[in-house]
Structures are given as C-alpha cells and as structure tokens.
Amino acid sequence: MVRCKGSKLWHASTTVIGCFAVAAAIAATAESVAGQQLPGNVLKIGNSGGFTSSARDKQQEEGAQQSLSDFIKSQTGFNNVLTQDKSWDSLAQKMSKGEIHVGVFQGYEFAWAKAKYPKLEAIALPINLHRNPVAKIIVRKNKEASIKSFDDLKGKTLTIPANGQPYLRLFIDKLAHEKSTTADKYFSKINTPENLEDALDDVVDGKDVAAVVDQAALDAFKRRKPGRFNQLQEIAHSTPFPPIVIADYNDVLSPETKQTLKDGLMMSHLLEKGQTLLTLFHLTEIVSVPRDFDKVLEETRKNYPPPETKTAVKAER
C-alpha cells in the first residue's frame, strides 16, 4: 500500500502536494519508466514532511491513500512505495544510502540538503503558475492606512492559512528574528484558517490585521473576488523561493530511467489524468530545472540559513 502519513489531503496540504502529485504524475506517465531497470524493481519515493495532521482527516486520508495506491497499480502495473520522512535531512541521508530513489523536498529544504549532500540532483520542479514563488504580507486598505511595513504589525494579529506553503511561516519567522524575537511573541495572535481565501477574507472583514500568502493565492483571489481584492494592499514581500523539488541522488537511478522519469513528469500536464491530479493539488505543471538554479539555492541559504539538525551522519565531502 502507498503510504504518505500525516497529511491534510482534502485541504491540499502543500507537502502532500509534493508527495502525492509527483506520485500521480508518475502514475499517469510511468508505463515507459516501468520498463527500465530499478533497484529492487520498486520505485521508492520519499517526502520530506513538514506538516501536521488533523485527527478529523484520518478517515479521509486513509481512503485517499488507498485510492492513490490502486490508481498507480492499475495505470502502470509499477510497484511504488511512498513514504513520509521525519525531516529533509533524514530523507537526504536515506537517498545517499540508496534507500530512497526519488525525494520530494520543499525548495528551501532542498537548498539546505544540497549543501550537505552535493550529489543530490534536482530532476524537475512542480509549480503553481510561478517558478519561483514569493511570500507577501497583505493588509486592508484605508482601515489599516497606518500600517505601512512589518514594523507596524507588532502586537497586531496575523493570519497564515493552514494549507499554505511552509515558506510563508519561514518568511515571517525571519522577519521576527530580525527584530530579536519570535513570530509568536511579535504578534498578539497568529490565526490559521483552513485556506488561503479565508485568510484574505478575514483581513478584508477586519478579523485579522494582516495575512501572509503567496503570489499564486493572491492572483486566484483577484480572479475570484476582484472587489474584495481591491480592498487589499501589500506592505512587504520575500525574495523568490525555489519551488518544490523532485530530486534523485547521484547514480542510484540509471541515466535512462532518470531521463524517462524526467520526461514523463514534465508531460503530466498534457495528459488528462495527469492534469486532473495536478489541479487537485493546486499545481499547474512540472517544469525543467533552470540553469541558474544553483544561484537560487545559494541565495536561499544566505537568506534562510538551515536549522541545526540532529542527524549524526557527517556531511558529504
């Protein structure tokens, strides 16, 4: 059975986006991959985690896992195992040992992992409209005219959508750290509505002073609710983040298998089943890795240094 524990699947949790959408894309296109040689004849896909579960979602989650497992098997006949790891560092370590063939990381996590394990290589990038997403702090016009920067939000309420990208919180934590405090102490309260639209609605309605969302969510809100969108304004934004990264490690996969997998992933949005599943998980397509990607990773590490990890394994030389 396919396993990807701890998700909030029906709320489109972003790490589940990485784990399940990649598996779905593989399922929709991997018939040719299945013919390639794999270690143990099973493609092992690992996910770096980064979200919390909700007890009320357990039953739905189990049903979704089984459905995905059946879908992969029926579409390809290809044996797949999906696992959620406890951290990006643990996942990278397992990939270095050949225990996991394909890893799915948040972009900033991959930046950290790549520095420690240089033989990690990005295969493709799942995106939602924007190749390099940006986090934005949004407030209401007029009512919050006195709020012009992050400094003006001290002691105010902030809303971060529960199903938003993890880099939204990373951005807020960085800004708070620059003020020599934590986000939880900087704001009077941090609310977590279920989705991005609710977060922006709460700002328009005055329930919260500010929201942090990404550009794709803001674009969607503008399309769906242009009148409400016009009541909002941006007061701060992050530098571009790398998107979700699908990666492998050195020569664990054969060059032929890797290329076929890469080609299949990037074709997923052209296939009906692939497009349906990408849309379900709020993705638009899976794209190739740009030539300047290492520069993006380096800039990410500079702006967001990796946390200390407890893994005892030494970094690669």
Protein backbone atom coordinates (compact mmCIF):
# COMPACT_ATOMS: atom_id res chain seq x y z
CA MET A 1 0.00 0.00 0.00
CA VAL A 2 1.14 3.51 -0.76
CA ARG A 3 1.92 5.39 2.40
CA CYS A 4 2.13 9.13 2.90
CA LYS A 5 1.13 9.65 6.50
CA GLY A 6 0.12 12.71 8.41
CA SER A 7 -1.42 14.66 5.53
CA LYS A 8 -4.31 17.07 5.32
CA LEU A 9 -5.04 15.83 1.82
CA TRP A 10 -8.52 17.24 1.42
CA HIS A 11 -7.27 20.67 2.38
CA ALA A 12 -4.49 20.45 -0.24
CA SER A 13 -1.61 20.50 2.23
CA THR A 14 1.39 21.70 0.33
CA THR A 15 3.77 18.96 1.31
CA VAL A 16 1.15 16.44 0.29
CA ILE A 17 1.09 18.36 -2.98
CA GLY A 18 4.69 17.36 -3.44
CA CYS A 19 4.31 13.77 -2.31
CA PHE A 20 1.02 12.84 -3.96
CA ALA A 21 1.15 14.96 -7.08
CA VAL A 22 4.55 13.59 -8.01
CA ALA A 23 3.30 10.06 -7.47
CA ALA A 24 0.21 10.85 -9.51
CA ALA A 25 2.31 12.26 -12.33
CA ILE A 26 4.47 9.15 -12.26
CA ALA A 27 1.35 7.00 -12.28
CA ALA A 28 -0.02 8.85 -15.30
CA THR A 29 3.19 8.61 -17.33
CA ALA A 30 5.37 5.83 -15.93
CA GLU A 31 4.48 2.96 -18.22
CA SER A 32 7.74 3.56 -20.06
CA VAL A 33 9.61 4.00 -16.78
CA ALA A 34 8.33 0.63 -15.61
CA GLY A 35 10.34 -0.97 -18.39
CA GLN A 36 13.56 0.49 -17.10
CA GLN A 37 15.78 -1.17 -14.55
CA LEU A 38 15.27 -0.07 -10.97
CA PRO A 39 16.94 -1.21 -7.75
CA GLY A 40 14.64 -3.92 -6.41
CA ASN A 41 12.12 -3.20 -9.22
CA VAL A 42 10.29 -0.78 -6.92
CA LEU A 43 10.45 2.99 -7.25
CA LYS A 44 10.73 4.35 -3.72
CA ILE A 45 9.54 7.95 -3.38
CA GLY A 46 10.28 9.85 -0.19
CA ASN A 47 8.66 13.05 1.04
CA SER A 48 10.35 15.42 3.47
CA GLY A 49 7.24 16.04 5.60
CA GLY A 50 6.74 19.49 7.06
CA PHE A 51 3.08 19.47 8.01
CA THR A 52 0.87 18.36 10.87
CA SER A 53 -2.15 16.12 10.71
CA SER A 54 -5.64 16.59 11.99
CA ALA A 55 -7.49 13.76 13.65
CA ARG A 56 -10.68 14.59 11.77
CA ASP A 57 -8.89 13.96 8.47
CA LYS A 58 -7.66 10.46 9.30
CA GLN A 59 -10.51 8.52 7.74
CA GLN A 60 -10.49 10.64 4.58
CA GLU A 61 -6.73 10.37 4.41
CA GLU A 62 -6.78 6.57 4.59
CA GLY A 63 -9.33 6.41 1.80
CA ALA A 64 -7.28 8.77 -0.34
CA GLN A 65 -4.14 6.73 0.23
CA GLN A 66 -5.86 3.55 -0.88
CA SER A 67 -7.33 5.26 -3.93
CA LEU A 68 -3.94 6.56 -4.95
CA SER A 69 -2.35 3.17 -4.40
CA ASP A 70 -4.97 1.48 -6.58
CA PHE A 71 -4.60 4.18 -9.22
CA ILE A 72 -0.84 3.75 -9.53
CA LYS A 73 -1.10 -0.01 -9.72
CA SER A 74 -3.93 -0.06 -12.25
CA GLN A 75 -2.39 2.57 -14.51
CA THR A 76 1.16 1.26 -14.65
CA GLY A 77 1.49 -2.12 -13.03
CA PHE A 78 4.52 -0.44 -11.49
CA ASN A 79 5.30 -1.10 -7.86
CA ASN A 80 5.64 2.18 -5.95
CA VAL A 81 6.24 2.87 -2.30
CA LEU A 82 5.62 6.37 -0.93
CA THR A 83 6.89 7.30 2.49
CA GLN A 84 6.90 10.49 4.51
CA ASP A 85 10.16 11.08 6.30
CA LYS A 86 10.61 12.98 9.55
CA SER A 87 12.76 15.71 8.02
CA TRP A 88 14.59 16.91 4.91
CA ASP A 89 17.89 15.86 6.47
CA SER A 90 16.74 12.33 7.18
CA LEU A 91 15.34 11.99 3.65
CA ALA A 92 18.59 13.21 2.08
CA GLN A 93 20.55 10.78 4.23
CA LYS A 94 18.39 7.85 3.09
CA MET A 95 18.79 8.93 -0.52
CA SER A 96 22.56 8.98 -0.09
CA LYS A 97 22.36 5.35 1.05
CA GLY A 98 20.14 4.30 -1.86
CA GLU A 99 17.19 3.56 0.44
CA ILE A 100 15.04 6.14 -1.36
CA HIS A 101 15.24 6.63 -5.14
CA VAL A 102 13.33 9.88 -5.60
CA GLY A 103 12.93 12.60 -2.99
CA VAL A 104 10.39 15.41 -2.85
CA PHE A 105 11.55 18.49 -0.93
CA GLN A 106 10.27 21.93 -0.23
CA GLY A 107 12.53 24.23 -2.25
CA TYR A 108 14.30 25.77 0.73
CA GLU A 109 14.78 22.31 2.24
CA PHE A 110 16.46 21.16 -0.95
CA ALA A 111 18.76 24.19 -0.75
CA TRP A 112 19.83 23.05 2.72
CA ALA A 113 20.12 19.39 1.72
CA LYS A 114 22.13 20.15 -1.43
CA ALA A 115 24.75 21.98 0.65
CA LYS A 116 25.18 18.94 2.89
CA TYR A 117 24.77 16.30 0.17
CA PRO A 118 26.20 17.77 -3.06
CA LYS A 119 25.37 14.66 -5.07
CA LEU A 120 21.66 15.36 -4.76
CA GLU A 121 20.36 16.49 -8.12
CA ALA A 122 17.10 18.23 -8.97
CA ILE A 123 15.15 16.36 -11.68
CA ALA A 124 12.12 18.63 -12.10
CA LEU A 125 10.12 21.35 -10.33
CA PRO A 126 6.36 21.17 -9.61
CA ILE A 127 4.97 24.71 -9.77
CA ASN A 128 1.74 26.62 -9.33
CA LEU A 129 1.95 29.29 -12.06
CA HIS A 130 5.17 30.85 -10.74
CA ARG A 131 8.53 29.08 -10.99
CA ASN A 132 9.92 31.00 -8.01
CA PRO A 133 7.13 31.77 -5.52
CA VAL A 134 7.14 34.89 -3.37
CA ALA A 135 5.54 35.35 0.08
CA LYS A 136 3.61 38.59 0.58
CA ILE A 137 2.21 40.34 3.63
CA ILE A 138 -1.21 41.79 2.87
CA VAL A 139 -3.31 44.31 4.86
CA ARG A 140 -6.57 46.10 4.24
CA LYS A 141 -6.52 49.50 2.56
CA ASN A 142 -7.80 52.58 4.36
CA LYS A 143 -8.65 50.86 7.64
CA GLU A 144 -5.01 49.93 8.15
CA ALA A 145 -3.57 53.03 6.45
CA SER A 146 -1.20 53.47 9.39
CA ILE A 147 0.33 50.07 8.68
CA LYS A 148 2.97 50.52 6.01
CA SER A 149 5.63 47.97 6.95
CA PHE A 150 6.33 44.92 9.06
CA ASP A 151 7.37 47.21 11.93
CA ASP A 152 3.78 48.46 12.17
CA LEU A 153 2.44 44.95 12.76
CA LYS A 154 3.98 44.48 16.21
CA GLY A 155 1.28 43.48 18.67
CA LYS A 156 -1.29 43.00 15.89
CA THR A 157 -2.99 39.83 14.62
CA LEU A 158 -1.68 37.82 11.69
CA THR A 159 -3.33 35.04 9.71
CA ILE A 160 -1.38 32.26 8.00
CA PRO A 161 -3.52 29.71 6.11
CA ALA A 162 -3.22 26.17 7.45
CA ASN A 163 -2.82 24.79 3.92
CA GLY A 164 -0.38 27.47 2.82
CA GLN A 165 3.15 26.81 1.70
CA PRO A 166 5.60 26.26 4.60
CA TYR A 167 7.84 29.05 3.32
CA LEU A 168 5.16 31.55 4.38
CA ARG A 169 5.95 30.85 8.02
CA LEU A 170 9.68 30.73 7.24
CA PHE A 171 9.44 34.27 5.87
CA ILE A 172 7.55 35.55 8.92
CA ASP A 173 9.97 33.84 11.30
CA LYS A 174 12.89 35.51 9.52
CA LEU A 175 11.34 38.97 9.84
CA ALA A 176 10.61 38.39 13.53
CA HIS A 177 14.13 37.09 14.12
CA GLU A 178 15.49 40.33 12.66
CA LYS A 179 13.56 42.08 15.45
CA SER A 180 15.28 39.81 18.01
CA THR A 181 12.12 37.91 18.83
CA THR A 182 9.86 35.13 17.56
CA ALA A 183 6.76 35.42 15.42
CA ASP A 184 4.57 34.13 18.25
CA LYS A 185 5.82 36.91 20.51
CA TYR A 186 5.86 39.61 17.86
CA PHE A 187 2.17 39.24 17.02
CA SER A 188 -0.64 39.33 19.55
CA LYS A 189 -2.09 36.25 17.88
CA ILE A 190 -1.44 34.14 14.80
CA ASN A 191 -4.59 32.58 13.37
CA THR A 192 -4.60 29.65 10.95
CA PRO A 193 -7.78 29.46 8.84
CA GLU A 194 -8.21 26.41 6.64
CA ASN A 195 -7.31 28.01 3.32
CA LEU A 196 -5.75 30.98 1.58
CA GLU A 197 -9.03 32.54 0.53
CA ASP A 198 -10.34 32.51 4.10
CA ALA A 199 -7.14 34.21 5.27
CA LEU A 200 -7.60 37.08 2.82
CA ASP A 201 -11.32 37.31 3.57
CA ASP A 202 -10.51 37.66 7.26
CA VAL A 203 -8.30 40.65 6.50
CA VAL A 204 -10.97 42.29 4.35
CA ASP A 205 -13.56 41.67 7.09
CA GLY A 206 -11.29 43.06 9.81
CA LYS A 207 -10.93 39.79 11.72
CA ASP A 208 -7.16 39.96 11.30
CA VAL A 209 -4.88 42.88 10.56
CA ALA A 210 -2.57 41.10 8.13
CA ALA A 211 -2.23 37.87 6.16
CA VAL A 212 0.78 36.22 4.60
CA VAL A 213 0.09 34.42 1.32
CA ASP A 214 1.93 33.61 -1.88
CA GLN A 215 1.54 35.33 -5.24
CA ALA A 216 -0.42 32.43 -6.77
CA ALA A 217 -3.01 32.65 -3.98
CA LEU A 218 -3.25 36.41 -4.40
CA ASP A 219 -3.76 36.00 -8.14
CA ALA A 220 -6.53 33.47 -7.53
CA PHE A 221 -8.24 35.75 -5.02
CA LYS A 222 -8.14 38.60 -7.53
CA ARG A 223 -9.83 36.42 -10.16
CA ARG A 224 -12.50 35.09 -7.82
CA LYS A 225 -13.22 38.21 -5.78
CA PRO A 226 -11.96 41.32 -7.61
CA GLY A 227 -13.98 43.70 -5.43
CA ARG A 228 -12.52 42.31 -2.24
CA PHE A 229 -9.06 42.14 -3.77
CA ASN A 230 -9.22 45.88 -4.45
CA GLN A 231 -9.58 46.44 -0.70
CA LEU A 232 -6.16 44.92 -0.04
CA GLN A 233 -2.60 46.12 -0.35
CA GLU A 234 0.87 44.63 0.02
CA ILE A 235 3.27 46.00 2.62
CA ALA A 236 6.16 43.51 2.35
CA HIS A 237 7.34 40.57 0.29
CA SER A 238 10.07 37.97 0.37
CA THR A 239 12.83 37.25 -2.08
CA PRO A 240 11.88 34.46 -4.52
CA PHE A 241 11.88 30.96 -3.05
CA PRO A 242 12.74 27.83 -5.03
CA PRO A 243 9.62 25.74 -5.70
CA ILE A 244 9.05 22.14 -4.66
CA VAL A 245 11.92 19.98 -5.92
CA ILE A 246 11.84 16.41 -7.21
CA ALA A 247 15.35 15.02 -6.82
CA ASP A 248 17.46 11.92 -7.08
CA TYR A 249 20.91 11.04 -5.80
CA ASN A 250 23.98 10.51 -7.94
CA ASP A 251 23.73 7.22 -9.85
CA VAL A 252 21.07 5.42 -7.80
CA LEU A 253 18.82 5.53 -10.87
CA SER A 254 20.22 4.64 -14.27
CA PRO A 255 20.57 7.57 -16.70
CA GLU A 256 17.88 6.03 -18.90
CA THR A 257 15.40 5.63 -16.06
CA LYS A 258 16.11 9.12 -14.80
CA GLN A 259 15.59 10.71 -18.21
CA THR A 260 12.40 8.77 -18.85
CA LEU A 261 11.08 9.77 -15.44
CA LYS A 262 12.00 13.40 -16.05
CA ASP A 263 10.32 13.44 -19.47
CA GLY A 264 7.22 11.77 -18.07
CA LEU A 265 6.89 14.22 -15.20
CA MET A 266 7.11 17.23 -17.48
CA MET A 267 4.48 15.76 -19.79
CA SER A 268 1.98 15.12 -16.99
CA HIS A 269 0.06 18.38 -17.53
CA LEU A 270 -0.56 17.36 -21.15
CA LEU A 271 -2.38 14.17 -20.15
CA GLU A 272 -5.96 14.22 -18.92
CA LYS A 273 -5.31 12.14 -15.80
CA GLY A 274 -2.12 14.00 -15.02
CA GLN A 275 -3.80 17.39 -15.40
CA THR A 276 -6.72 16.35 -13.21
CA LEU A 277 -4.42 15.31 -10.39
CA LEU A 278 -2.16 18.34 -10.70
CA THR A 279 -5.22 20.58 -10.49
CA LEU A 280 -6.48 18.71 -7.43
CA PHE A 281 -3.24 19.53 -5.65
CA HIS A 282 -3.11 23.16 -6.78
CA LEU A 283 -0.29 22.68 -9.28
CA THR A 284 -0.23 23.79 -12.90
CA GLU A 285 2.68 21.80 -14.29
CA ILE A 286 6.05 20.20 -13.60
CA VAL A 287 8.89 22.05 -15.30
CA SER A 288 12.57 21.58 -16.03
CA VAL A 289 15.30 22.88 -13.77
CA PRO A 290 16.71 26.23 -14.97
CA ARG A 291 20.43 26.70 -15.50
CA ASP A 292 20.68 29.30 -12.74
CA PHE A 293 19.01 27.07 -10.14
CA ASP A 294 22.18 26.72 -8.08
CA LYS A 295 22.25 30.51 -7.70
CA VAL A 296 18.67 30.45 -6.42
CA LEU A 297 19.62 27.77 -3.91
CA GLU A 298 22.66 29.73 -2.78
CA GLU A 299 20.59 32.87 -2.29
CA THR A 300 18.03 30.89 -0.32
CA ARG A 301 20.69 29.52 2.02
CA LYS A 302 22.02 33.03 2.51
CA ASN A 303 18.61 34.49 3.38
CA TYR A 304 17.37 31.45 5.29
CA PRO A 305 20.24 29.52 6.91
CA PRO A 306 19.46 25.89 7.67
CA PRO A 307 18.45 24.99 11.21
CA GLU A 308 20.70 22.83 13.30
CA THR A 309 20.00 19.18 12.66
CA LYS A 310 20.36 16.24 14.99
CA THR A 311 21.47 13.79 12.36
CA ALA A 312 24.75 12.24 13.40
CA VAL A 313 25.87 11.46 9.86
CA LYS A 314 28.60 13.77 8.63
CA ALA A 315 28.02 15.90 5.57
CA GLU A 316 29.50 14.80 2.27
CA ARG A 317 32.89 15.99 1.22
